[in-house]
All heavy atoms as atom14 arrays in JSON, in Angstrom:
{
  "sequence": "MVNSDSLKQEMLKHRLFFHDGNVFRVYNGFD",
  "atom14_mask": [
    [1, 1, 1, 1, 1, 1, 1, 1, 0, 0, 0, 0, 0, 0],
    [1, 1, 1, 1, 1, 1, 1, 0, 0, 0, 0, 0, 0, 0],
    [1, 1, 1, 1, 1, 1, 1, 1, 0, 0, 0, 0, 0, 0],
    [1, 1, 1, 1, 1, 1, 0, 0, 0, 0, 0, 0, 0, 0],
    [1, 1, 1, 1, 1, 1, 1, 1, 0, 0, 0, 0, 0, 0],
    [1, 1, 1, 1, 1, 1, 0, 0, 0, 0, 0, 0, 0, 0],
    [1, 1, 1, 1, 1, 1, 1, 1, 0, 0, 0, 0, 0, 0],
    [1, 1, 1, 1, 1, 1, 1, 1, 1, 0, 0, 0, 0, 0],
    [1, 1, 1, 1, 1, 1, 1, 1, 1, 0, 0, 0, 0, 0],
    [1, 1, 1, 1, 1, 1, 1, 1, 1, 0, 0, 0, 0, 0],
    [1, 1, 1, 1, 1, 1, 1, 1, 0, 0, 0, 0, 0, 0],
    [1, 1, 1, 1, 1, 1, 1, 1, 0, 0, 0, 0, 0, 0],
    [1, 1, 1, 1, 1, 1, 1, 1, 1, 0, 0, 0, 0, 0],
    [1, 1, 1, 1, 1, 1, 1, 1, 1, 1, 0, 0, 0, 0],
    [1, 1, 1, 1, 1, 1, 1, 1, 1, 1, 1, 0, 0, 0],
    [1, 1, 1, 1, 1, 1, 1, 1, 0, 0, 0, 0, 0, 0],
    [1, 1, 1, 1, 1, 1, 1, 1, 1, 1, 1, 0, 0, 0],
    [1, 1, 1, 1, 1, 1, 1, 1, 1, 1, 1, 0, 0, 0],
    [1, 1, 1, 1, 1, 1, 1, 1, 1, 1, 0, 0, 0, 0],
    [1, 1, 1, 1, 1, 1, 1, 1, 0, 0, 0, 0, 0, 0],
    [1, 1, 1, 1, 0, 0, 0, 0, 0, 0, 0, 0, 0, 0],
    [1, 1, 1, 1, 1, 1, 1, 1, 0, 0, 0, 0, 0, 0],
    [1, 1, 1, 1, 1, 1, 1, 0, 0, 0, 0, 0, 0, 0],
    [1, 1, 1, 1, 1, 1, 1, 1, 1, 1, 1, 0, 0, 0],
    [1, 1, 1, 1, 1, 1, 1, 1, 1, 1, 1, 0, 0, 0],
    [1, 1, 1, 1, 1, 1, 1, 0, 0, 0, 0, 0, 0, 0],
    [1, 1, 1, 1, 1, 1, 1, 1, 1, 1, 1, 1, 0, 0],
    [1, 1, 1, 1, 1, 1, 1, 1, 0, 0, 0, 0, 0, 0],
    [1, 1, 1, 1, 0, 0, 0, 0, 0, 0, 0, 0, 0, 0],
    [1, 1, 1, 1, 1, 1, 1, 1, 1, 1, 1, 0, 0, 0],
    [1, 1, 1, 1, 1, 1, 1, 1, 0, 0, 0, 0, 0, 0]
  ],
  "atom14_positions": [
    [[4.95, 2.98, -1.13], [4.83, 4.5, -0.94], [4.33, 4.93, 0.35], [3.28, 4.29, 0.8], [3.88, 5.02, -2.1], [3.62, 6.47, -2.05], [2.09, 7.0, -3.02], [2.63, 6.91, -4.58], [0.0, 0.0, 0.0], [0.0, 0.0, 0.0], [0.0, 0.0, 0.0], [0.0, 0.0, 0.0], [0.0, 0.0, 0.0], [0.0, 0.0, 0.0]],
    [[4.88, 5.85, 1.06], [4.52, 6.27, 2.32], [4.24, 7.8, 2.12], [4.8, 8.46, 1.27], [5.42, 6.06, 3.4], [5.59, 4.51, 3.71], [6.7, 6.52, 3.16], [0.0, 0.0, 0.0], [0.0, 0.0, 0.0], [0.0, 0.0, 0.0], [0.0, 0.0, 0.0], [0.0, 0.0, 0.0], [0.0, 0.0, 0.0], [0.0, 0.0, 0.0]],
    [[3.55, 8.45, 3.09], [3.29, 9.94, 3.01], [3.93, 10.82, 3.9], [3.5, 11.96, 4.09], [1.73, 10.05, 3.07], [1.19, 9.58, 4.49], [1.88, 9.23, 5.4], [-0.16, 9.62, 4.55], [0.0, 0.0, 0.0], [0.0, 0.0, 0.0], [0.0, 0.0, 0.0], [0.0, 0.0, 0.0], [0.0, 0.0, 0.0], [0.0, 0.0, 0.0]],
    [[4.99, 10.27, 4.6], [5.66, 11.17, 5.56], [7.15, 10.67, 5.71], [7.36, 9.32, 5.62], [5.12, 11.42, 6.94], [5.08, 10.19, 7.68], [0.0, 0.0, 0.0], [0.0, 0.0, 0.0], [0.0, 0.0, 0.0], [0.0, 0.0, 0.0], [0.0, 0.0, 0.0], [0.0, 0.0, 0.0], [0.0, 0.0, 0.0], [0.0, 0.0, 0.0]],
    [[8.12, 11.39, 6.04], [9.45, 10.88, 6.24], [9.49, 10.17, 7.48], [10.25, 9.19, 7.64], [10.4, 12.12, 6.34], [10.75, 12.68, 4.98], [10.88, 11.93, 4.02], [10.95, 13.87, 4.94], [0.0, 0.0, 0.0], [0.0, 0.0, 0.0], [0.0, 0.0, 0.0], [0.0, 0.0, 0.0], [0.0, 0.0, 0.0], [0.0, 0.0, 0.0]],
    [[8.7, 10.43, 8.49], [8.71, 9.8, 9.82], [8.25, 8.24, 9.57], [8.75, 7.4, 10.16], [7.91, 10.47, 10.82], [6.53, 10.55, 10.34], [0.0, 0.0, 0.0], [0.0, 0.0, 0.0], [0.0, 0.0, 0.0], [0.0, 0.0, 0.0], [0.0, 0.0, 0.0], [0.0, 0.0, 0.0], [0.0, 0.0, 0.0], [0.0, 0.0, 0.0]],
    [[7.21, 8.2, 8.77], [6.83, 6.8, 8.38], [7.75, 6.08, 7.61], [7.93, 4.75, 7.73], [5.36, 6.87, 7.71], [4.65, 5.53, 7.44], [4.55, 4.76, 8.75], [3.22, 5.97, 6.85], [0.0, 0.0, 0.0], [0.0, 0.0, 0.0], [0.0, 0.0, 0.0], [0.0, 0.0, 0.0], [0.0, 0.0, 0.0], [0.0, 0.0, 0.0]],
    [[8.5, 6.61, 6.7], [9.45, 6.07, 5.97], [10.54, 5.57, 6.82], [10.95, 4.25, 6.68], [10.05, 7.05, 4.84], [11.21, 6.47, 4.08], [11.85, 7.41, 2.99], [12.97, 6.79, 2.35], [13.47, 7.66, 1.22], [0.0, 0.0, 0.0], [0.0, 0.0, 0.0], [0.0, 0.0, 0.0], [0.0, 0.0, 0.0], [0.0, 0.0, 0.0]],
    [[11.02, 6.32, 7.83], [11.98, 5.89, 8.74], [11.57, 4.71, 9.55], [12.48, 3.9, 9.89], [12.54, 7.1, 9.58], [13.29, 8.21, 8.73], [14.46, 7.69, 7.85], [15.31, 6.91, 8.36], [14.36, 8.13, 6.7], [0.0, 0.0, 0.0], [0.0, 0.0, 0.0], [0.0, 0.0, 0.0], [0.0, 0.0, 0.0], [0.0, 0.0, 0.0]],
    [[10.41, 4.72, 9.92], [9.8, 3.73, 10.81], [9.9, 2.37, 9.95], [10.23, 1.31, 10.51], [8.27, 3.92, 11.15], [7.69, 2.9, 12.05], [8.32, 2.86, 13.36], [8.91, 3.82, 13.88], [8.28, 1.81, 13.92], [0.0, 0.0, 0.0], [0.0, 0.0, 0.0], [0.0, 0.0, 0.0], [0.0, 0.0, 0.0], [0.0, 0.0, 0.0]],
    [[9.47, 2.47, 8.7], [9.46, 1.21, 7.96], [10.96, 0.7, 7.52], [11.11, -0.53, 7.59], [8.75, 1.42, 6.53], [7.25, 1.77, 6.74], [6.37, 0.8, 8.05], [6.33, -0.8, 7.18], [0.0, 0.0, 0.0], [0.0, 0.0, 0.0], [0.0, 0.0, 0.0], [0.0, 0.0, 0.0], [0.0, 0.0, 0.0], [0.0, 0.0, 0.0]],
    [[11.98, 1.67, 7.26], [13.22, 1.19, 7.07], [13.98, 0.58, 8.24], [15.04, -0.07, 8.17], [14.04, 2.5, 6.66], [13.81, 3.05, 5.34], [14.5, 4.33, 5.14], [14.12, 2.01, 4.15], [0.0, 0.0, 0.0], [0.0, 0.0, 0.0], [0.0, 0.0, 0.0], [0.0, 0.0, 0.0], [0.0, 0.0, 0.0], [0.0, 0.0, 0.0]],
    [[13.39, 0.58, 9.32], [13.91, -0.18, 10.58], [13.76, -1.67, 10.3], [14.56, -2.52, 10.87], [13.15, 0.15, 11.86], [13.3, 1.56, 12.41], [12.39, 1.78, 13.65], [12.61, 3.24, 14.08], [11.77, 3.47, 15.34], [0.0, 0.0, 0.0], [0.0, 0.0, 0.0], [0.0, 0.0, 0.0], [0.0, 0.0, 0.0], [0.0, 0.0, 0.0]],
    [[12.87, -2.13, 9.37], [12.67, -3.55, 9.1], [13.57, -3.83, 7.87], [12.98, -3.94, 6.76], [11.18, -3.83, 8.78], [10.33, -3.36, 9.98], [10.17, -4.09, 11.13], [9.45, -2.4, 10.17], [9.4, -3.49, 12.0], [8.9, -2.48, 11.29], [0.0, 0.0, 0.0], [0.0, 0.0, 0.0], [0.0, 0.0, 0.0], [0.0, 0.0, 0.0]],
    [[14.83, -4.03, 8.07], [15.74, -4.05, 6.89], [15.7, -5.45, 6.23], [16.25, -5.62, 5.03], [17.2, -4.06, 7.55], [17.49, -2.65, 7.84], [17.64, -1.73, 6.65], [17.82, -0.25, 6.85], [18.07, 0.68, 6.0], [17.94, 0.32, 4.73], [18.27, 1.92, 6.29], [0.0, 0.0, 0.0], [0.0, 0.0, 0.0], [0.0, 0.0, 0.0]],
    [[15.01, -6.38, 6.68], [14.81, -7.64, 5.99], [13.86, -7.4, 4.78], [14.02, -8.11, 3.87], [14.15, -8.73, 6.92], [13.97, -10.11, 6.3], [15.11, -10.81, 5.97], [13.26, -10.96, 7.32], [0.0, 0.0, 0.0], [0.0, 0.0, 0.0], [0.0, 0.0, 0.0], [0.0, 0.0, 0.0], [0.0, 0.0, 0.0], [0.0, 0.0, 0.0]],
    [[13.05, -6.54, 4.95], [12.04, -6.27, 3.82], [12.23, -4.97, 3.06], [12.18, -4.81, 1.85], [10.69, -6.2, 4.32], [10.34, -7.17, 5.42], [10.16, -6.68, 6.7], [10.41, -8.54, 5.15], [9.93, -7.57, 7.79], [10.2, -9.37, 6.33], [9.9, -8.82, 7.49], [0.0, 0.0, 0.0], [0.0, 0.0, 0.0], [0.0, 0.0, 0.0]],
    [[12.78, -3.9, 3.77], [12.76, -2.52, 3.19], [14.25, -1.93, 3.07], [15.03, -2.21, 3.99], [11.85, -1.61, 3.95], [10.51, -2.02, 3.99], [9.91, -2.4, 5.28], [9.71, -2.1, 2.94], [8.59, -2.86, 5.36], [8.38, -2.54, 2.92], [7.77, -2.87, 4.25], [0.0, 0.0, 0.0], [0.0, 0.0, 0.0], [0.0, 0.0, 0.0]],
    [[14.41, -1.17, 2.08], [15.66, -0.42, 2.04], [15.34, 0.78, 1.11], [14.26, 1.09, 0.78], [16.71, -1.36, 1.17], [16.16, -1.87, -0.15], [16.24, -1.17, -1.27], [15.69, -3.11, -0.46], [15.65, -1.95, -2.27], [15.39, -3.15, -1.7], [0.0, 0.0, 0.0], [0.0, 0.0, 0.0], [0.0, 0.0, 0.0], [0.0, 0.0, 0.0]],
    [[16.31, 1.68, 1.0], [16.11, 3.07, 0.39], [15.62, 2.91, -1.15], [15.06, 3.83, -1.71], [17.46, 3.8, 0.34], [17.67, 4.4, 1.79], [16.66, 4.65, 2.49], [18.92, 4.56, 2.26], [0.0, 0.0, 0.0], [0.0, 0.0, 0.0], [0.0, 0.0, 0.0], [0.0, 0.0, 0.0], [0.0, 0.0, 0.0], [0.0, 0.0, 0.0]],
    [[15.88, 1.78, -1.62], [15.32, 1.54, -3.07], [14.05, 1.03, -3.19], [13.51, 0.96, -4.38], [0.0, 0.0, 0.0], [0.0, 0.0, 0.0], [0.0, 0.0, 0.0], [0.0, 0.0, 0.0], [0.0, 0.0, 0.0], [0.0, 0.0, 0.0], [0.0, 0.0, 0.0], [0.0, 0.0, 0.0], [0.0, 0.0, 0.0], [0.0, 0.0, 0.0]],
    [[13.37, 0.72, -2.2], [11.95, 0.22, -2.28], [10.96, 0.96, -1.4], [9.75, 0.35, -1.35], [11.86, -1.43, -2.15], [12.05, -1.88, -0.93], [12.26, -1.11, 0.11], [11.9, -3.12, -0.6], [0.0, 0.0, 0.0], [0.0, 0.0, 0.0], [0.0, 0.0, 0.0], [0.0, 0.0, 0.0], [0.0, 0.0, 0.0], [0.0, 0.0, 0.0]],
    [[11.36, 2.03, -0.72], [10.47, 2.8, 0.14], [10.68, 4.24, -0.37], [11.69, 4.81, -0.15], [10.76, 2.62, 1.66], [9.7, 3.42, 2.44], [10.76, 1.21, 2.05], [0.0, 0.0, 0.0], [0.0, 0.0, 0.0], [0.0, 0.0, 0.0], [0.0, 0.0, 0.0], [0.0, 0.0, 0.0], [0.0, 0.0, 0.0], [0.0, 0.0, 0.0]],
    [[9.42, 4.82, -0.72], [9.58, 6.16, -1.29], [8.43, 7.04, -0.56], [7.21, 6.57, -0.44], [9.31, 6.15, -2.76], [10.34, 5.49, -3.46], [10.24, 4.15, -3.84], [11.41, 6.22, -3.97], [11.19, 3.45, -4.45], [12.43, 5.37, -4.73], [12.27, 4.07, -4.92], [0.0, 0.0, 0.0], [0.0, 0.0, 0.0], [0.0, 0.0, 0.0]],
    [[8.99, 8.31, -0.09], [7.85, 9.19, 0.58], [7.34, 10.07, -0.63], [8.12, 10.79, -1.27], [8.53, 9.93, 1.63], [7.72, 10.91, 2.34], [7.58, 12.3, 1.7], [8.79, 12.98, 1.93], [9.21, 13.89, 1.1], [8.51, 14.25, 0.05], [10.43, 14.54, 1.25], [0.0, 0.0, 0.0], [0.0, 0.0, 0.0], [0.0, 0.0, 0.0]],
    [[5.95, 10.25, -0.63], [5.32, 11.16, -1.5], [4.27, 11.92, -0.64], [3.41, 11.21, -0.29], [4.68, 10.49, -2.72], [3.93, 11.51, -3.54], [5.65, 9.75, -3.58], [0.0, 0.0, 0.0], [0.0, 0.0, 0.0], [0.0, 0.0, 0.0], [0.0, 0.0, 0.0], [0.0, 0.0, 0.0], [0.0, 0.0, 0.0], [0.0, 0.0, 0.0]],
    [[4.5, 13.07, -0.31], [3.54, 13.86, 0.48], [2.25, 13.94, -0.24], [2.16, 14.13, -1.52], [4.01, 15.23, 0.81], [5.16, 15.42, 1.71], [6.22, 16.22, 1.53], [5.12, 14.69, 2.91], [7.24, 16.34, 2.45], [6.02, 14.87, 3.91], [7.06, 15.67, 3.57], [8.13, 15.75, 4.61], [0.0, 0.0, 0.0], [0.0, 0.0, 0.0]],
    [[1.18, 13.83, 0.5], [-0.22, 14.11, 0.01], [-0.21, 15.51, -0.34], [0.02, 16.49, 0.23], [-1.2, 13.77, 1.03], [-1.4, 12.41, 1.32], [-1.0, 11.51, 0.6], [-1.89, 12.12, 2.59], [0.0, 0.0, 0.0], [0.0, 0.0, 0.0], [0.0, 0.0, 0.0], [0.0, 0.0, 0.0], [0.0, 0.0, 0.0], [0.0, 0.0, 0.0]],
    [[-0.77, 15.81, -1.7], [-0.86, 17.25, -2.3], [-2.21, 17.89, -2.05], [-3.24, 17.14, -2.1], [0.0, 0.0, 0.0], [0.0, 0.0, 0.0], [0.0, 0.0, 0.0], [0.0, 0.0, 0.0], [0.0, 0.0, 0.0], [0.0, 0.0, 0.0], [0.0, 0.0, 0.0], [0.0, 0.0, 0.0], [0.0, 0.0, 0.0], [0.0, 0.0, 0.0]],
    [[-2.27, 19.09, -1.99], [-3.37, 19.97, -1.89], [-3.33, 21.15, -2.66], [-2.22, 21.8, -2.72], [-3.69, 20.2, -0.4], [-4.07, 19.07, 0.41], [-3.05, 18.27, 0.98], [-5.41, 18.52, 0.36], [-3.37, 17.03, 1.69], [-5.65, 17.45, 1.05], [-4.66, 16.69, 1.7], [0.0, 0.0, 0.0], [0.0, 0.0, 0.0], [0.0, 0.0, 0.0]],
    [[-4.28, 21.52, -3.32], [-4.35, 22.87, -4.07], [-4.78, 23.9, -3.05], [-5.9, 23.76, -2.25], [-5.45, 22.8, -5.11], [-4.77, 22.19, -6.32], [-3.65, 22.57, -6.62], [-5.53, 21.66, -7.22], [0.0, 0.0, 0.0], [0.0, 0.0, 0.0], [0.0, 0.0, 0.0], [0.0, 0.0, 0.0], [0.0, 0.0, 0.0], [0.0, 0.0, 0.0]]
  ]
}
């Protein structure tokens, strides 16, 4: 789980470990 799309794209560069099915972006939420 990552907290930004930019971080998700950074991790997806490492295709040996990561792919669209095991990296998910969830923004930190605030009231």
